[in-house]
């Protein structure tokens, strides 16, 4: 299905969480969400190969907006299940100052292909900016280890919410 928890010590399918760990991750399934200190700023986008639906953006370009950074990959079923919510938030709140940035970081080789990403974006109605992070540089800058993973920052660029996996849509 394109994504399952990859973590040492987890071998049974019924122990999987609704998030996928990056290959080689040692984070446990119980580490799902955290509220960061409010002084932590969103890291800069790094090593982006291409921007889809947008010109290249920087975190400073997004100041004054509420920013939702979504790490996803199109073959991940858990990511697919979050997309109706994320795309709806984009439609509902973009004119009120929300900017959704869907950082596409691949798990498998076929997910690196821009045309495959574009097809998935069309299928799911994704119209917000999608930077392609094939070398995991933005992933690493965010100290990420999971798909899907949401980071929400306030208008000053300070991280206010960090959520791994599905759920908590309210």
Protein backbone atom coordinates (compact mmCIF):
# COMPACT_ATOMS: atom_id res chain seq x y z
CA UNK A 1 0.00 0.00 0.00
CA UNK A 2 2.97 2.32 -0.10
CA UNK A 3 3.30 2.97 3.56
CA UNK A 4 3.56 1.15 6.80
CA UNK A 5 5.38 1.83 10.01
CA UNK A 6 9.04 1.00 9.60
CA UNK A 7 10.50 0.86 13.05
CA UNK A 8 12.63 -1.54 15.07
CA UNK A 9 10.63 -3.73 17.39
CA UNK A 10 7.35 -3.53 15.46
CA UNK A 11 6.64 -6.65 13.48
CA UNK A 12 2.92 -7.32 13.68
CA UNK A 13 0.60 -5.64 11.19
CA UNK A 14 -1.93 -4.92 13.92
CA UNK A 15 0.67 -2.86 15.77
CA UNK A 16 0.96 -0.34 12.94
CA UNK A 17 0.04 3.24 13.57
CA UNK A 18 -1.64 5.60 11.15
CA UNK A 19 1.71 7.15 10.29
CA UNK A 20 4.60 5.77 8.31
CA UNK A 21 8.14 6.06 9.52
CA UNK A 22 10.99 6.84 7.22
CA UNK A 23 13.25 3.91 6.45
CA UNK A 24 15.77 3.51 9.24
CA UNK A 25 13.74 5.50 11.76
CA UNK A 26 14.00 4.43 15.38
CA UNK A 27 11.05 6.49 16.62
CA UNK A 28 8.40 4.39 18.34
CA UNK A 29 4.74 4.22 17.41
CA UNK A 30 3.73 5.96 20.65
CA UNK A 31 5.49 9.18 19.68
CA UNK A 32 2.66 10.63 17.62
CA UNK A 33 2.21 14.34 18.29
CA UNK A 34 3.98 17.10 20.16
CA UNK A 35 3.37 20.74 20.87
CA UNK A 36 6.63 22.55 20.17
CA UNK A 37 7.81 25.54 22.16
CA UNK A 38 6.20 28.65 20.65
CA UNK A 39 9.57 30.25 19.93
CA UNK A 40 10.50 27.56 17.36
CA UNK A 41 10.25 28.87 13.80
CA UNK A 42 9.44 26.79 10.74
CA UNK A 43 12.67 25.60 9.10
CA UNK A 44 13.43 26.76 5.57
CA UNK A 45 12.61 24.58 2.56
CA UNK A 46 15.87 22.96 1.41
CA UNK A 47 17.03 20.99 -1.62
CA UNK A 48 13.72 21.25 -3.47
CA UNK A 49 14.04 19.83 -7.00
CA UNK A 50 10.87 21.45 -8.36
CA UNK A 51 7.82 23.38 -7.20
CA UNK A 52 4.44 22.31 -8.56
CA UNK A 53 1.49 24.77 -8.54
CA UNK A 54 3.80 27.59 -7.45
CA UNK A 55 6.97 29.50 -8.05
CA UNK A 56 9.69 28.64 -5.51
CA UNK A 57 8.75 29.83 -2.02
CA UNK A 58 10.71 30.48 1.15
CA UNK A 59 9.50 30.63 4.72
CA UNK A 60 10.05 34.41 4.66
CA UNK A 61 7.66 34.61 1.66
CA UNK A 62 4.97 33.13 3.93
CA UNK A 63 5.31 35.58 6.85
CA UNK A 64 1.96 37.08 7.74
CA UNK A 65 0.16 33.86 6.76
CA UNK A 66 -0.83 30.86 8.81
CA UNK A 67 1.23 28.05 7.25
CA UNK A 68 0.42 24.35 7.18
CA UNK A 69 3.40 22.28 6.01
CA UNK A 70 2.28 18.79 5.09
CA UNK A 71 4.80 16.00 4.48
CA UNK A 72 3.26 13.37 2.25
CA UNK A 73 3.91 10.90 -0.52
CA UNK A 74 1.24 9.87 -2.99
CA UNK A 75 1.39 6.07 -2.60
CA UNK A 76 0.99 6.23 1.17
CA UNK A 77 -2.57 5.21 2.11
CA UNK A 78 -2.39 7.19 5.34
CA UNK A 79 -1.42 10.29 3.36
CA UNK A 80 -4.23 9.66 0.89
CA UNK A 81 -6.74 9.54 3.74
CA UNK A 82 -5.63 12.99 4.99
CA UNK A 83 -5.85 14.68 1.59
CA UNK A 84 -9.62 15.36 1.59
CA UNK A 85 -9.18 17.31 4.84
CA UNK A 86 -6.05 19.19 3.79
CA UNK A 87 -7.48 20.14 0.39
CA UNK A 88 -10.72 21.29 2.05
CA UNK A 89 -8.80 23.44 4.55
CA UNK A 90 -6.96 24.99 1.63
CA UNK A 91 -10.22 25.78 -0.19
CA UNK A 92 -11.96 27.09 2.95
CA UNK A 93 -9.20 29.14 4.50
CA UNK A 94 -6.79 30.29 1.77
CA UNK A 95 -8.64 33.61 1.42
CA UNK A 96 -8.39 34.06 5.21
CA UNK A 97 -4.59 33.72 5.21
CA UNK A 98 -3.87 29.96 5.33
CA UNK A 99 -1.08 28.72 3.07
CA UNK A 100 -0.80 24.97 2.64
CA UNK A 101 2.54 23.65 1.42
CA UNK A 102 2.47 19.93 0.57
CA UNK A 103 6.10 18.79 0.73
CA UNK A 104 6.22 15.61 -1.35
CA UNK A 105 8.98 13.34 -0.05
CA UNK A 106 9.04 9.90 -1.74
CA UNK A 107 9.17 6.53 -0.07
CA UNK A 108 9.61 4.55 -3.32
CA UNK A 109 11.48 5.24 -6.56
CA UNK A 110 8.32 5.67 -8.67
CA UNK A 111 7.20 8.45 -6.29
CA UNK A 112 10.20 10.56 -7.36
CA UNK A 113 8.80 11.14 -10.84
CA UNK A 114 7.19 14.59 -11.23
CA UNK A 115 4.59 13.29 -13.70
CA UNK A 116 3.44 10.65 -11.20
CA UNK A 117 3.18 13.33 -8.51
CA UNK A 118 1.21 15.58 -10.88
CA UNK A 119 -1.23 12.74 -11.64
CA UNK A 120 -1.78 12.16 -7.93
CA UNK A 121 -2.30 15.89 -7.36
CA UNK A 122 -4.93 15.98 -10.10
CA UNK A 123 -6.65 12.87 -8.73
CA UNK A 124 -6.86 14.37 -5.22
CA UNK A 125 -7.65 17.95 -6.26
CA UNK A 126 -4.43 19.41 -4.87
CA UNK A 127 -4.07 23.01 -6.02
CA UNK A 128 -1.75 24.31 -3.28
CA UNK A 129 2.06 24.46 -3.73
CA UNK A 130 3.87 21.12 -3.73
CA UNK A 131 7.67 21.19 -3.50
CA UNK A 132 9.39 17.95 -4.52
CA UNK A 133 11.84 16.88 -1.81
CA UNK A 134 13.43 13.82 -3.46
CA UNK A 135 16.69 14.17 -1.53
CA UNK A 136 14.94 14.47 1.88
CA UNK A 137 16.69 17.78 2.61
CA UNK A 138 13.54 19.61 3.76
CA UNK A 139 12.43 16.40 5.53
CA UNK A 140 15.72 16.44 7.48
CA UNK A 141 15.51 20.20 8.16
CA UNK A 142 12.16 19.53 9.85
CA UNK A 143 13.63 16.57 11.74
CA UNK A 144 10.81 14.52 10.25
CA UNK A 145 10.41 10.75 10.36
CA UNK A 146 6.84 10.07 9.22
CA UNK A 147 4.24 10.28 6.47
CA UNK A 148 1.85 12.05 6.86
CA UNK A 149 3.13 14.78 9.14
CA UNK A 150 1.62 18.25 9.61
CA UNK A 151 3.34 21.33 11.00
CA UNK A 152 1.22 24.44 11.62
CA UNK A 153 2.80 27.85 12.14
CA UNK A 154 1.18 31.15 13.12
CA UNK A 155 1.41 34.40 11.16
CA UNK A 156 4.79 35.15 12.76
CA UNK A 157 6.19 31.85 11.49
CA UNK A 158 6.25 30.22 14.94
CA UNK A 159 5.40 26.54 15.11
CA UNK A 160 2.14 26.06 17.03
CA UNK A 161 1.08 22.49 16.20
CA UNK A 162 2.81 19.29 15.12
CA UNK A 163 0.76 16.20 14.21
CA UNK A 164 1.86 12.82 12.90
CA UNK A 165 -0.54 10.48 11.12
CA UNK A 166 -4.24 10.59 10.46
CA UNK A 167 -6.94 12.09 12.65
CA UNK A 168 -7.26 15.19 14.83
CA UNK A 169 -8.92 16.98 11.91
CA UNK A 170 -11.04 19.28 14.07
